């Protein structure tokens, strides 16, 4: 069992339409280059592959990719884009599901480790990555830095997007390290908004480093983005790379 909330058919069907910006060549180009370089001549395993926003174009670049995905609905959308023999997907959770073989790269993008709502499950996710890596292989995570310094005393909400089509803000439980992302999305031209929310367990970079150490991995690199900009105290997110000792 996993604490991750299961993505529904309706969410899966509209996911790609709502992620056109993150699926653009300008955004994906550096991501794919970063991951392809680390994969080298080996295979890559994507945890929570979703609709294949990253996995499908990475496979098209020539990197053999296998995916693990909890939602059958998300996997069904991916399957419309690419066949099973070209990009196999195993239905299961990323903390415990095992696929055959070893990989030079395991990666988990777009804040998705936060879908695991307990620290224990996040640790198991690291252990599962290490289990699949060949010696010298890398585990990569893309994750936002919790924006807690934007919280004045007594405030529990931080906006992250305010536009004509979408209003988004996060609310925080500082004791349990749980944030809830609230979304109000305008549907059509009638002015109506669709509301949905999702729960996440946020984690600091140093906490992830400790999880990696528990799993037998060593931190190799941390950058502020896929282009490799230096990670600083002002960085809004990080791309972290841990290596399995040879």
C-alpha atoms as a PDB file:
ATOM      1  CA  UNK A   1       0.000   0.000   0.000  1.00  0.00           C
ATOM      2  CA  UNK A   2       1.117   3.566  -0.633  1.00  0.00           C
ATOM      3  CA  UNK A   3      -0.036   6.910   0.716  1.00  0.00           C
ATOM      4  CA  UNK A   4       0.091   8.480  -2.751  1.00  0.00           C
ATOM      5  CA  UNK A   5      -3.254   9.808  -3.920  1.00  0.00           C
ATOM      6  CA  UNK A   6      -4.409   7.994  -7.041  1.00  0.00           C
ATOM      7  CA  UNK A   7      -4.815  10.110 -10.177  1.00  0.00           C
ATOM      8  CA  UNK A   8      -8.286   9.711 -11.659  1.00  0.00           C
ATOM      9  CA  UNK A   9      -9.317   9.201 -15.271  1.00  0.00           C
ATOM     10  CA  UNK A  10     -10.549  12.802 -15.532  1.00  0.00           C
ATOM     11  CA  UNK A  11      -7.266  14.182 -14.216  1.00  0.00           C
ATOM     12  CA  UNK A  12      -5.247  11.962 -16.538  1.00  0.00           C
ATOM     13  CA  UNK A  13      -7.281  12.982 -19.593  1.00  0.00           C
ATOM     14  CA  UNK A  14      -6.656  16.704 -19.046  1.00  0.00           C
ATOM     15  CA  UNK A  15      -3.111  16.432 -17.689  1.00  0.00           C
ATOM     16  CA  UNK A  16      -1.231  17.003 -20.969  1.00  0.00           C
ATOM     17  CA  UNK A  17      -3.436  19.968 -21.929  1.00  0.00           C
ATOM     18  CA  UNK A  18      -2.686  21.638 -18.595  1.00  0.00           C
ATOM     19  CA  UNK A  19       1.071  20.973 -18.866  1.00  0.00           C
ATOM     20  CA  UNK A  20       1.772  22.430 -22.294  1.00  0.00           C
ATOM     21  CA  UNK A  21       4.385  24.835 -20.908  1.00  0.00           C
ATOM     22  CA  UNK A  22       6.346  22.170 -19.033  1.00  0.00           C
ATOM     23  CA  UNK A  23       6.120  19.957 -22.127  1.00  0.00           C
ATOM     24  CA  UNK A  24       7.566  22.598 -24.447  1.00  0.00           C
ATOM     25  CA  UNK A  25      10.938  22.159 -26.134  1.00  0.00           C
ATOM     26  CA  UNK A  26      12.323  25.117 -24.185  1.00  0.00           C
ATOM     27  CA  UNK A  27      11.562  23.430 -20.861  1.00  0.00           C
ATOM     28  CA  UNK A  28      12.155  19.805 -21.823  1.00  0.00           C
ATOM     29  CA  UNK A  29      15.344  20.353 -23.834  1.00  0.00           C
ATOM     30  CA  UNK A  30      17.676  20.869 -20.845  1.00  0.00           C
ATOM     31  CA  UNK A  31      15.889  18.130 -18.873  1.00  0.00           C
ATOM     32  CA  UNK A  32      16.363  15.549 -21.605  1.00  0.00           C
ATOM     33  CA  UNK A  33      19.981  16.539 -22.216  1.00  0.00           C
ATOM     34  CA  UNK A  34      20.768  16.238 -18.494  1.00  0.00           C
ATOM     35  CA  UNK A  35      19.143  12.819 -18.162  1.00  0.00           C
ATOM     36  CA  UNK A  36      20.512  11.420 -21.427  1.00  0.00           C
ATOM     37  CA  UNK A  37      24.050  12.325 -20.422  1.00  0.00           C
ATOM     38  CA  UNK A  38      23.705  10.505 -17.098  1.00  0.00           C
ATOM     39  CA  UNK A  39      22.070   7.455 -18.689  1.00  0.00           C
ATOM     40  CA  UNK A  40      24.954   7.124 -21.144  1.00  0.00           C
ATOM     41  CA  UNK A  41      24.768   3.800 -22.980  1.00  0.00           C
ATOM     42  CA  UNK A  42      22.601   2.206 -20.293  1.00  0.00           C
ATOM     43  CA  UNK A  43      18.902   2.028 -19.470  1.00  0.00           C
ATOM     44  CA  UNK A  44      16.821   4.579 -17.559  1.00  0.00           C
ATOM     45  CA  UNK A  45      13.992   3.907 -15.114  1.00  0.00           C
ATOM     46  CA  UNK A  46      11.435   6.641 -14.458  1.00  0.00           C
ATOM     47  CA  UNK A  47       9.536   6.532 -11.190  1.00  0.00           C
ATOM     48  CA  UNK A  48       5.957   7.859 -11.559  1.00  0.00           C
ATOM     49  CA  UNK A  49       6.249   8.168 -15.334  1.00  0.00           C
ATOM     50  CA  UNK A  50       2.696   9.523 -15.665  1.00  0.00           C
ATOM     51  CA  UNK A  51       1.620  10.300 -19.225  1.00  0.00           C
ATOM     52  CA  UNK A  52       5.216  10.146 -20.451  1.00  0.00           C
ATOM     53  CA  UNK A  53       5.946  13.882 -20.538  1.00  0.00           C
ATOM     54  CA  UNK A  54       9.654  13.137 -20.009  1.00  0.00           C
ATOM     55  CA  UNK A  55       9.948   9.402 -20.623  1.00  0.00           C
ATOM     56  CA  UNK A  56       8.564   9.379 -24.169  1.00  0.00           C
ATOM     57  CA  UNK A  57      10.863  12.084 -25.621  1.00  0.00           C
ATOM     58  CA  UNK A  58      13.822  10.608 -23.711  1.00  0.00           C
ATOM     59  CA  UNK A  59      13.112   7.267 -25.386  1.00  0.00           C
ATOM     60  CA  UNK A  60      12.876   9.056 -28.725  1.00  0.00           C
ATOM     61  CA  UNK A  61      16.397  10.348 -28.074  1.00  0.00           C
ATOM     62  CA  UNK A  62      17.594   6.771 -28.034  1.00  0.00           C
ATOM     63  CA  UNK A  63      17.701   6.095 -24.288  1.00  0.00           C
ATOM     64  CA  UNK A  64      15.949   2.811 -23.381  1.00  0.00           C
ATOM     65  CA  UNK A  65      13.323   3.789 -20.789  1.00  0.00           C
ATOM     66  CA  UNK A  66      11.166   1.714 -18.443  1.00  0.00           C
ATOM     67  CA  UNK A  67       8.474   3.307 -16.271  1.00  0.00           C
ATOM     68  CA  UNK A  68       6.705   2.650 -12.984  1.00  0.00           C
ATOM     69  CA  UNK A  69       3.301   4.319 -12.595  1.00  0.00           C
ATOM     70  CA  UNK A  70       0.661   4.000  -9.884  1.00  0.00           C
ATOM     71  CA  UNK A  71      -2.315   5.287 -11.911  1.00  0.00           C
ATOM     72  CA  UNK A  72      -3.620   3.015 -14.655  1.00  0.00           C
ATOM     73  CA  UNK A  73      -5.373   6.073 -16.115  1.00  0.00           C
ATOM     74  CA  UNK A  74      -2.125   8.016 -16.491  1.00  0.00           C
ATOM     75  CA  UNK A  75      -0.446   4.956 -18.005  1.00  0.00           C
ATOM     76  CA  UNK A  76      -3.311   4.578 -20.481  1.00  0.00           C
ATOM     77  CA  UNK A  77      -2.699   8.104 -21.788  1.00  0.00           C
ATOM     78  CA  UNK A  78       1.007   7.298 -22.175  1.00  0.00           C
ATOM     79  CA  UNK A  79       0.178   4.117 -24.061  1.00  0.00           C
ATOM     80  CA  UNK A  80      -1.564   6.144 -26.781  1.00  0.00           C
ATOM     81  CA  UNK A  81       1.795   7.762 -27.525  1.00  0.00           C
ATOM     82  CA  UNK A  82       4.125   4.763 -27.565  1.00  0.00           C
ATOM     83  CA  UNK A  83       3.778   0.973 -27.518  1.00  0.00           C
ATOM     84  CA  UNK A  84       4.650  -1.358 -24.655  1.00  0.00           C
ATOM     85  CA  UNK A  85       7.591  -2.995 -26.408  1.00  0.00           C
ATOM     86  CA  UNK A  86       9.233   0.390 -26.994  1.00  0.00           C
ATOM     87  CA  UNK A  87       8.591   1.798 -23.518  1.00  0.00           C
ATOM     88  CA  UNK A  88       7.435  -0.790 -20.954  1.00  0.00           C
ATOM     89  CA  UNK A  89       5.437   0.469 -17.955  1.00  0.00           C
ATOM     90  CA  UNK A  90       4.824  -1.502 -14.762  1.00  0.00           C
ATOM     91  CA  UNK A  91       1.772  -0.537 -12.683  1.00  0.00           C
ATOM     92  CA  UNK A  92       2.758  -0.078  -9.050  1.00  0.00           C
ATOM     93  CA  UNK A  93       4.089   2.351  -6.471  1.00  0.00           C
ATOM     94  CA  UNK A  94       7.570   3.802  -6.778  1.00  0.00           C
ATOM     95  CA  UNK A  95       8.623   2.893  -3.238  1.00  0.00           C
ATOM     96  CA  UNK A  96       8.318  -0.890  -3.553  1.00  0.00           C
ATOM     97  CA  UNK A  97       7.676  -1.981  -7.153  1.00  0.00           C
ATOM     98  CA  UNK A  98      10.583  -3.868  -8.709  1.00  0.00           C
ATOM     99  CA  UNK A  99      11.217  -4.266 -12.442  1.00  0.00           C
ATOM    100  CA  UNK A 100      13.729  -6.661 -13.995  1.00  0.00           C
ATOM    101  CA  UNK A 101      17.320  -5.716 -14.692  1.00  0.00           C
ATOM    102  CA  UNK A 102      19.684  -2.930 -13.680  1.00  0.00           C
ATOM    103  CA  UNK A 103      19.814   0.683 -14.810  1.00  0.00           C
ATOM    104  CA  UNK A 104      22.450   3.374 -15.152  1.00  0.00           C
ATOM    105  CA  UNK A 105      19.831   5.993 -14.275  1.00  0.00           C
ATOM    106  CA  UNK A 106      16.733   6.180 -12.089  1.00  0.00           C
ATOM    107  CA  UNK A 107      14.947   9.532 -12.103  1.00  0.00           C
ATOM    108  CA  UNK A 108      11.973  11.171 -10.410  1.00  0.00           C
ATOM    109  CA  UNK A 109      10.950  14.603 -11.678  1.00  0.00           C
ATOM    110  CA  UNK A 110       8.494  17.426 -11.081  1.00  0.00           C
ATOM    111  CA  UNK A 111       8.232  17.219  -7.261  1.00  0.00           C
ATOM    112  CA  UNK A 112       6.728  13.744  -7.451  1.00  0.00           C
ATOM    113  CA  UNK A 113       8.540  12.270  -4.457  1.00  0.00           C
ATOM    114  CA  UNK A 114       6.264  14.511  -2.370  1.00  0.00           C
ATOM    115  CA  UNK A 115       3.328  12.331  -3.432  1.00  0.00           C
ATOM    116  CA  UNK A 116       4.629   9.884  -0.827  1.00  0.00           C
ATOM    117  CA  UNK A 117       3.126  11.345   2.327  1.00  0.00           C
ATOM    118  CA  UNK A 118       5.368   9.775   4.966  1.00  0.00           C
ATOM    119  CA  UNK A 119       9.088   9.961   5.600  1.00  0.00           C
ATOM    120  CA  UNK A 120       9.304   6.165   5.753  1.00  0.00           C
ATOM    121  CA  UNK A 121       7.868   5.822   2.250  1.00  0.00           C
ATOM    122  CA  UNK A 122      10.233   8.457   0.900  1.00  0.00           C
ATOM    123  CA  UNK A 123      13.157   6.539   2.411  1.00  0.00           C
ATOM    124  CA  UNK A 124      11.853   3.367   0.755  1.00  0.00           C
ATOM    125  CA  UNK A 125      11.732   5.238  -2.546  1.00  0.00           C
ATOM    126  CA  UNK A 126      15.455   5.913  -2.246  1.00  0.00           C
ATOM    127  CA  UNK A 127      16.077   2.288  -1.340  1.00  0.00           C
ATOM    128  CA  UNK A 128      14.067   1.177  -4.356  1.00  0.00           C
ATOM    129  CA  UNK A 129      16.118   3.435  -6.608  1.00  0.00           C
ATOM    130  CA  UNK A 130      19.348   1.984  -5.197  1.00  0.00           C
ATOM    131  CA  UNK A 131      17.957  -1.520  -5.688  1.00  0.00           C
ATOM    132  CA  UNK A 132      17.581  -0.886  -9.419  1.00  0.00           C
ATOM    133  CA  UNK A 133      20.882   0.899 -10.035  1.00  0.00           C
ATOM    134  CA  UNK A 134      23.962  -0.816 -11.309  1.00  0.00           C
ATOM    135  CA  UNK A 135      27.211   0.103  -9.520  1.00  0.00           C
ATOM    136  CA  UNK A 136      28.118   3.656 -10.529  1.00  0.00           C
ATOM    137  CA  UNK A 137      24.533   4.432 -11.547  1.00  0.00           C
ATOM    138  CA  UNK A 138      22.724   7.645 -10.559  1.00  0.00           C
ATOM    139  CA  UNK A 139      19.440   8.594  -8.953  1.00  0.00           C
ATOM    140  CA  UNK A 140      18.085  12.041  -9.933  1.00  0.00           C
ATOM    141  CA  UNK A 141      15.322  14.014  -8.237  1.00  0.00           C
ATOM    142  CA  UNK A 142      13.771  17.346  -9.258  1.00  0.00           C
ATOM    143  CA  UNK A 143      12.142  19.016  -6.270  1.00  0.00           C
ATOM    144  CA  UNK A 144      11.066  22.456  -5.139  1.00  0.00           C
ATOM    145  CA  UNK A 145      12.529  24.023  -2.016  1.00  0.00           C
ATOM    146  CA  UNK A 146       9.748  24.514   0.559  1.00  0.00           C
ATOM    147  CA  UNK A 147       8.857  28.255   0.413  1.00  0.00           C
ATOM    148  CA  UNK A 148       8.449  28.570   4.163  1.00  0.00           C
ATOM    149  CA  UNK A 149      10.310  31.851   4.432  1.00  0.00           C
ATOM    150  CA  UNK A 150       7.367  33.467   2.622  1.00  0.00           C
ATOM    151  CA  UNK A 151       5.173  32.617   5.604  1.00  0.00           C
ATOM    152  CA  UNK A 152       4.800  35.529   8.059  1.00  0.00           C
ATOM    153  CA  UNK A 153       3.918  34.561  11.646  1.00  0.00           C
ATOM    154  CA  UNK A 154       0.379  33.226  11.772  1.00  0.00           C
ATOM    155  CA  UNK A 155       0.034  32.720   7.997  1.00  0.00           C
ATOM    156  CA  UNK A 156      -0.313  29.233   6.521  1.00  0.00           C
ATOM    157  CA  UNK A 157      -0.824  29.930   2.786  1.00  0.00           C
ATOM    158  CA  UNK A 158       1.585  30.900  -0.026  1.00  0.00           C
ATOM    159  CA  UNK A 159       0.400  31.688  -3.593  1.00  0.00           C
ATOM    160  CA  UNK A 160       2.429  30.157  -6.413  1.00  0.00           C
ATOM    161  CA  UNK A 161       0.386  31.146  -9.478  1.00  0.00           C
ATOM    162  CA  UNK A 162      -2.051  34.019 -10.041  1.00  0.00           C
ATOM    163  CA  UNK A 163      -3.272  34.388 -13.621  1.00  0.00           C
ATOM    164  CA  UNK A 164      -6.495  34.788 -15.591  1.00  0.00           C
ATOM    165  CA  UNK A 165      -6.773  31.038 -16.103  1.00  0.00           C
ATOM    166  CA  UNK A 166      -5.442  29.676 -12.831  1.00  0.00           C
ATOM    167  CA  UNK A 167      -5.162  30.536  -9.155  1.00  0.00           C
ATOM    168  CA  UNK A 168      -2.852  28.349  -7.102  1.00  0.00           C
ATOM    169  CA  UNK A 169      -1.690  28.442  -3.513  1.00  0.00           C
ATOM    170  CA  UNK A 170      -0.188  26.056  -0.983  1.00  0.00           C
ATOM    171  CA  UNK A 171      -1.234  25.657   2.649  1.00  0.00           C
ATOM    172  CA  UNK A 172       1.184  24.156   5.159  1.00  0.00           C
ATOM    173  CA  UNK A 173       1.063  21.864   8.170  1.00  0.00           C
ATOM    174  CA  UNK A 174       4.461  22.714   9.643  1.00  0.00           C
ATOM    175  CA  UNK A 175       4.391  19.893  12.194  1.00  0.00           C
ATOM    176  CA  UNK A 176       3.715  17.012   9.778  1.00  0.00           C
ATOM    177  CA  UNK A 177       5.592  18.587   6.815  1.00  0.00           C
ATOM    178  CA  UNK A 178       2.445  18.339   4.705  1.00  0.00           C
ATOM    179  CA  UNK A 179       1.411  20.926   2.157  1.00  0.00           C
ATOM    180  CA  UNK A 180      -1.827  21.014   0.234  1.00  0.00           C
ATOM    181  CA  UNK A 181      -1.754  22.547  -3.245  1.00  0.00           C
ATOM    182  CA  UNK A 182      -5.052  24.258  -4.068  1.00  0.00           C
ATOM    183  CA  UNK A 183      -5.952  24.924  -7.700  1.00  0.00           C
ATOM    184  CA  UNK A 184      -8.754  27.026  -9.170  1.00  0.00           C
ATOM    185  CA  UNK A 185      -8.695  26.573 -12.952  1.00  0.00           C
ATOM    186  CA  UNK A 186     -10.951  28.450 -15.373  1.00  0.00           C
ATOM    187  CA  UNK A 187     -12.795  26.084 -17.717  1.00  0.00           C
ATOM    188  CA  UNK A 188     -13.959  27.564 -21.004  1.00  0.00           C
ATOM    189  CA  UNK A 189     -15.173  31.132 -21.437  1.00  0.00           C
ATOM    190  CA  UNK A 190     -18.096  31.106 -19.002  1.00  0.00           C
ATOM    191  CA  UNK A 191     -15.989  32.360 -16.107  1.00  0.00           C
ATOM    192  CA  UNK A 192     -16.469  29.248 -14.009  1.00  0.00           C
ATOM    193  CA  UNK A 193     -13.577  27.735 -12.090  1.00  0.00           C
ATOM    194  CA  UNK A 194     -12.848  24.085 -11.395  1.00  0.00           C
ATOM    195  CA  UNK A 195     -11.365  23.431  -7.955  1.00  0.00           C
ATOM    196  CA  UNK A 196      -9.059  20.606  -6.976  1.00  0.00           C
ATOM    197  CA  UNK A 197      -6.284  20.023  -4.476  1.00  0.00           C
ATOM    198  CA  UNK A 198      -3.522  17.547  -3.734  1.00  0.00           C
ATOM    199  CA  UNK A 199      -1.512  16.648  -0.647  1.00  0.00           C
ATOM    200  CA  UNK A 200       2.276  16.424  -0.535  1.00  0.00           C
ATOM    201  CA  UNK A 201       4.999  15.785   2.028  1.00  0.00           C
ATOM    202  CA  UNK A 202       7.708  18.388   1.512  1.00  0.00           C
ATOM    203  CA  UNK A 203      11.331  17.643   2.333  1.00  0.00           C
ATOM    204  CA  UNK A 204      14.478  19.734   2.545  1.00  0.00           C
ATOM    205  CA  UNK A 205      17.570  18.969   0.419  1.00  0.00           C
ATOM    206  CA  UNK A 206      19.535  17.931   3.505  1.00  0.00           C
ATOM    207  CA  UNK A 207      16.771  15.489   4.470  1.00  0.00           C
ATOM    208  CA  UNK A 208      16.979  13.890   1.028  1.00  0.00           C
ATOM    209  CA  UNK A 209      20.748  13.554   1.404  1.00  0.00           C
ATOM    210  CA  UNK A 210      20.188  11.604   4.608  1.00  0.00           C
ATOM    211  CA  UNK A 211      17.620   9.386   2.868  1.00  0.00           C
ATOM    212  CA  UNK A 212      20.192   8.734   0.151  1.00  0.00           C
ATOM    213  CA  UNK A 213      22.825   7.815   2.737  1.00  0.00           C
ATOM    214  CA  UNK A 214      20.399   5.359   4.355  1.00  0.00           C
ATOM    215  CA  UNK A 215      19.946   3.772   0.913  1.00  0.00           C
ATOM    216  CA  UNK A 216      23.699   3.522   0.351  1.00  0.00           C
ATOM    217  CA  UNK A 217      23.932   6.368  -2.167  1.00  0.00           C
ATOM    218  CA  UNK A 218      26.376   9.277  -2.215  1.00  0.00           C
ATOM    219  CA  UNK A 219      25.515  12.799  -3.289  1.00  0.00           C
ATOM    220  CA  UNK A 220      27.371  13.715  -6.457  1.00  0.00           C
ATOM    221  CA  UNK A 221      25.812  16.992  -7.557  1.00  0.00           C
ATOM    222  CA  UNK A 222      23.120  19.565  -6.782  1.00  0.00           C
ATOM    223  CA  UNK A 223      22.060  22.309  -9.196  1.00  0.00           C
ATOM    224  CA  UNK A 224      19.306  24.930  -9.220  1.00  0.00           C
ATOM    225  CA  UNK A 225      17.915  23.836 -12.603  1.00  0.00           C
ATOM    226  CA  UNK A 226      18.428  21.440 -15.501  1.00  0.00           C
ATOM    227  CA  UNK A 227      20.897  23.860 -17.104  1.00  0.00           C
ATOM    228  CA  UNK A 228      23.214  23.336 -14.130  1.00  0.00           C
ATOM    229  CA  UNK A 229      22.984  26.770 -12.493  1.00  0.00           C
ATOM    230  CA  UNK A 230      24.550  26.842  -9.014  1.00  0.00           C
ATOM    231  CA  UNK A 231      22.234  25.952  -6.141  1.00  0.00           C
ATOM    232  CA  UNK A 232      22.054  28.799  -3.605  1.00  0.00           C
ATOM    233  CA  UNK A 233      19.958  29.841  -0.630  1.00  0.00           C
ATOM    234  CA  UNK A 234      17.698  31.721  -3.062  1.00  0.00           C
ATOM    235  CA  UNK A 235      17.032  28.748  -5.374  1.00  0.00           C
ATOM    236  CA  UNK A 236      13.374  27.817  -5.723  1.00  0.00           C
ATOM    237  CA  UNK A 237      14.115  24.199  -6.618  1.00  0.00           C
ATOM    238  CA  UNK A 238      16.985  21.770  -6.987  1.00  0.00           C
ATOM    239  CA  UNK A 239      18.117  18.986  -9.261  1.00  0.00           C
ATOM    240  CA  UNK A 240      20.007  16.508  -7.075  1.00  0.00           C
ATOM    241  CA  UNK A 241      22.122  13.558  -8.216  1.00  0.00           C
ATOM    242  CA  UNK A 242      23.186  10.677  -5.997  1.00  0.00           C
ATOM    243  CA  UNK A 243      25.518   7.891  -7.099  1.00  0.00           C
ATOM    244  CA  UNK A 244      25.618   4.223  -6.166  1.00  0.00           C
ATOM    245  CA  UNK A 245      29.233   3.393  -5.283  1.00  0.00           C
ATOM    246  CA  UNK A 246      30.984   1.143  -7.784  1.00  0.00           C
END
